[in-house]
Amino acid sequence: MTFPTPETHPDEPQAAPVPAASADTDTQARKDEERDEREELLRAELEPLGEDERPPALRVAIAVCALLALAVILGATTIHNLNQHGGSLPGGVFLAVVLLAFQIIVTSLALIVASTILAAVICVVSIGLGGWLFWKLVRVMSRIQAGEQGPAETLR
C-alpha cells in the first residue's frame, strides 16, 4: 500500500517518471533550436558579395596560392634527382593545387622535422600567416554562399 505524499493526492493518478534520456533529449533539442536561431540571425546579417567585389582577404589568398603554386612547380621542375630528395613532380603539382588548410597542415608537419632555428621560425610564421588567412576567408566564403543562395533559402 502506498501512502499519499504532499506532492500527490490519493485520488489523482500518478504520473510516470520521466526517463533521464528524455530530459537530455529535450535539452539537446532546445540547444539545437537556439543554435539554429543564432545561425539564422548571422545569415541575415551577411551581405552577399557585390558583382565585382573582391575582399582583401580573397585577393591575398589568390596571390599566396599563385605564388605557392609557382614556387612548388619551379622547385619540382628544377631540382635534379627529385626522387632522391623525397619528392616527385606529380607530388609537387598536387601540392600546388591543394587547399590552404592542407598547406597549413604540411607546414605544421615540417615544423616537427625542422633542423635549424631558421627553418622552425619560417614554419611558425607560415603557419601563423596561413591560419590568419584561412580565418579571414571563412567570412568571405560565407558571403559568397549567401550570394549563391536565394534570400529565402538557408545555407546548409
Protein backbone atom coordinates (compact mmCIF):
# COMPACT_ATOMS: atom_id res chain seq x y z
CA MET A 1 0.00 0.00 0.00
CA THR A 2 1.34 3.44 -0.92
CA PHE A 3 0.63 6.46 1.16
CA PRO A 4 0.00 9.84 -0.43
CA THR A 5 2.86 12.30 -0.33
CA PRO A 6 2.50 16.07 -0.14
CA GLU A 7 3.13 16.26 -3.91
CA THR A 8 0.34 13.80 -4.81
CA HIS A 9 -3.25 13.35 -3.96
CA PRO A 10 -4.64 9.85 -3.35
CA ASP A 11 -7.44 10.31 -5.92
CA GLU A 12 -5.18 11.56 -8.74
CA PRO A 13 -3.38 9.10 -10.99
CA GLN A 14 0.36 9.21 -10.52
CA ALA A 15 2.38 10.40 -13.49
CA ALA A 16 5.00 8.09 -14.84
CA PRO A 17 8.52 9.22 -14.05
CA VAL A 18 10.33 10.95 -16.91
CA PRO A 19 13.34 8.93 -18.01
CA ALA A 20 16.68 10.75 -17.83
CA ALA A 21 17.31 10.19 -21.56
CA SER A 22 14.08 12.06 -22.37
CA ALA A 23 15.21 15.08 -20.34
CA ASP A 24 18.57 15.04 -22.14
CA THR A 25 16.78 14.86 -25.50
CA ASP A 26 14.61 17.86 -24.59
CA THR A 27 17.68 19.83 -23.51
CA GLN A 28 19.53 18.91 -26.70
CA ALA A 29 16.51 19.84 -28.84
CA ARG A 30 16.30 23.22 -27.10
CA LYS A 31 20.03 23.82 -27.66
CA ASP A 32 19.64 22.87 -31.33
CA GLU A 33 16.77 25.34 -31.72
CA GLU A 34 18.79 28.12 -30.07
CA ARG A 35 21.77 27.36 -32.31
CA ASP A 36 19.55 27.40 -35.39
CA GLU A 37 18.11 30.78 -34.35
CA ARG A 38 21.62 32.23 -33.86
CA GLU A 39 22.70 30.89 -37.26
CA GLU A 40 19.65 32.43 -38.93
CA LEU A 41 20.45 35.81 -37.35
CA LEU A 42 24.05 35.59 -38.53
CA ARG A 43 22.95 34.61 -42.04
CA ALA A 44 20.55 37.55 -42.16
CA GLU A 45 23.45 39.89 -41.29
CA LEU A 46 25.63 38.56 -44.14
CA GLU A 47 25.73 40.81 -47.12
CA PRO A 48 26.37 38.88 -50.35
CA LEU A 49 29.43 39.89 -52.35
CA GLY A 50 28.77 42.52 -54.97
CA GLU A 51 29.12 41.81 -58.68
CA ASP A 52 32.78 42.87 -58.88
CA GLU A 53 33.60 42.93 -55.16
CA ARG A 54 36.82 41.19 -54.16
CA PRO A 55 37.61 41.47 -50.41
CA PRO A 56 41.27 41.98 -49.48
CA ALA A 57 41.48 38.53 -47.86
CA LEU A 58 40.37 36.94 -51.12
CA ARG A 59 42.94 38.89 -53.13
CA VAL A 60 45.70 37.93 -50.69
CA ALA A 61 44.62 34.27 -50.83
CA ILE A 62 44.70 34.28 -54.63
CA ALA A 63 48.18 35.84 -54.64
CA VAL A 64 49.50 33.44 -52.00
CA CYS A 65 48.09 30.40 -53.79
CA ALA A 66 49.51 31.54 -57.12
CA LEU A 67 52.96 32.17 -55.60
CA LEU A 68 52.93 28.83 -53.75
CA ALA A 69 51.87 27.01 -56.89
CA LEU A 70 54.59 28.70 -58.94
CA ALA A 71 57.26 28.03 -56.30
CA VAL A 72 56.34 24.37 -55.94
CA ILE A 73 56.20 23.77 -59.68
CA LEU A 74 59.51 25.62 -60.26
CA GLY A 75 61.14 23.69 -57.45
CA ALA A 76 59.81 20.38 -58.71
CA THR A 77 60.98 21.00 -62.29
CA THR A 78 64.43 22.43 -61.49
CA ILE A 79 65.70 20.00 -58.86
CA HIS A 80 67.57 17.13 -60.45
CA ASN A 81 67.01 13.69 -58.94
CA LEU A 82 63.92 14.88 -57.10
CA ASN A 83 63.21 11.31 -56.01
CA GLN A 84 66.46 11.26 -54.01
CA HIS A 85 65.19 14.27 -52.06
CA GLY A 86 61.91 12.53 -51.20
CA GLY A 87 59.73 14.22 -53.80
CA SER A 88 58.25 13.78 -57.24
CA LEU A 89 56.93 16.02 -59.99
CA PRO A 90 53.33 14.72 -59.66
CA GLY A 91 53.58 15.27 -55.91
CA GLY A 92 54.78 18.83 -56.45
CA VAL A 93 51.93 19.57 -58.86
CA PHE A 94 49.47 18.07 -56.36
CA LEU A 95 50.79 20.34 -53.59
CA ALA A 96 50.40 23.33 -55.89
CA VAL A 97 46.65 22.82 -56.28
CA VAL A 98 45.55 21.72 -52.80
CA LEU A 99 43.67 23.83 -50.27
CA LEU A 100 45.20 26.34 -47.90
CA ALA A 101 44.28 24.14 -44.93
CA PHE A 102 46.40 21.33 -46.34
CA GLN A 103 49.32 23.75 -46.71
CA ILE A 104 48.98 24.68 -43.04
CA ILE A 105 48.97 21.01 -42.02
CA VAL A 106 52.02 20.22 -44.16
CA THR A 107 53.90 23.22 -42.74
CA SER A 108 52.99 22.07 -39.23
CA LEU A 109 54.46 18.66 -40.00
CA ALA A 110 57.56 20.32 -41.46
CA LEU A 111 57.99 22.16 -38.15
CA ILE A 112 58.36 18.80 -36.42
CA VAL A 113 61.39 17.88 -38.52
CA ALA A 114 62.92 21.38 -38.78
CA SER A 115 66.65 21.02 -38.21
CA THR A 116 67.57 24.69 -37.69
CA ILE A 117 66.13 27.62 -35.79
CA LEU A 118 65.63 29.50 -39.08
CA ALA A 119 63.60 26.62 -40.55
CA ALA A 120 61.46 26.46 -37.41
CA VAL A 121 60.84 30.22 -37.47
CA ILE A 122 59.87 30.08 -41.16
CA CYS A 123 57.44 27.22 -40.41
CA VAL A 124 55.88 29.09 -37.46
CA VAL A 125 55.48 32.28 -39.49
CA SER A 126 53.99 30.30 -42.38
CA ILE A 127 51.54 28.52 -40.06
CA GLY A 128 50.54 31.81 -38.43
CA LEU A 129 50.01 33.66 -41.70
CA GLY A 130 48.22 30.70 -43.30
CA GLY A 131 45.95 30.31 -40.28
CA TRP A 132 45.16 34.02 -40.25
CA LEU A 133 44.36 33.97 -43.96
CA PHE A 134 42.20 30.86 -43.55
CA TRP A 135 40.28 32.54 -40.72
CA LYS A 136 39.72 35.66 -42.84
CA LEU A 137 38.47 33.56 -45.76
CA VAL A 138 35.74 31.91 -43.68
CA ARG A 139 33.60 35.07 -43.77
CA VAL A 140 34.39 35.66 -47.45
CA MET A 141 33.25 32.13 -48.27
CA SER A 142 30.05 32.70 -46.26
CA ARG A 143 29.34 35.87 -48.21
CA ILE A 144 29.94 34.04 -51.48
CA GLN A 145 27.49 31.34 -50.40
CA ALA A 146 24.99 33.98 -49.31
CA GLY A 147 25.07 35.39 -52.83
CA GLU A 148 24.63 31.98 -54.42
CA GLN A 149 21.66 31.10 -52.19
CA GLY A 150 18.41 32.94 -52.54
CA PRO A 151 17.32 35.10 -49.59
CA ALA A 152 14.62 32.57 -48.66
CA GLU A 153 16.99 29.58 -48.78
CA THR A 154 19.18 28.52 -45.92
CA LEU A 155 22.88 27.75 -46.06
CA ARG A 156 23.03 24.11 -45.08
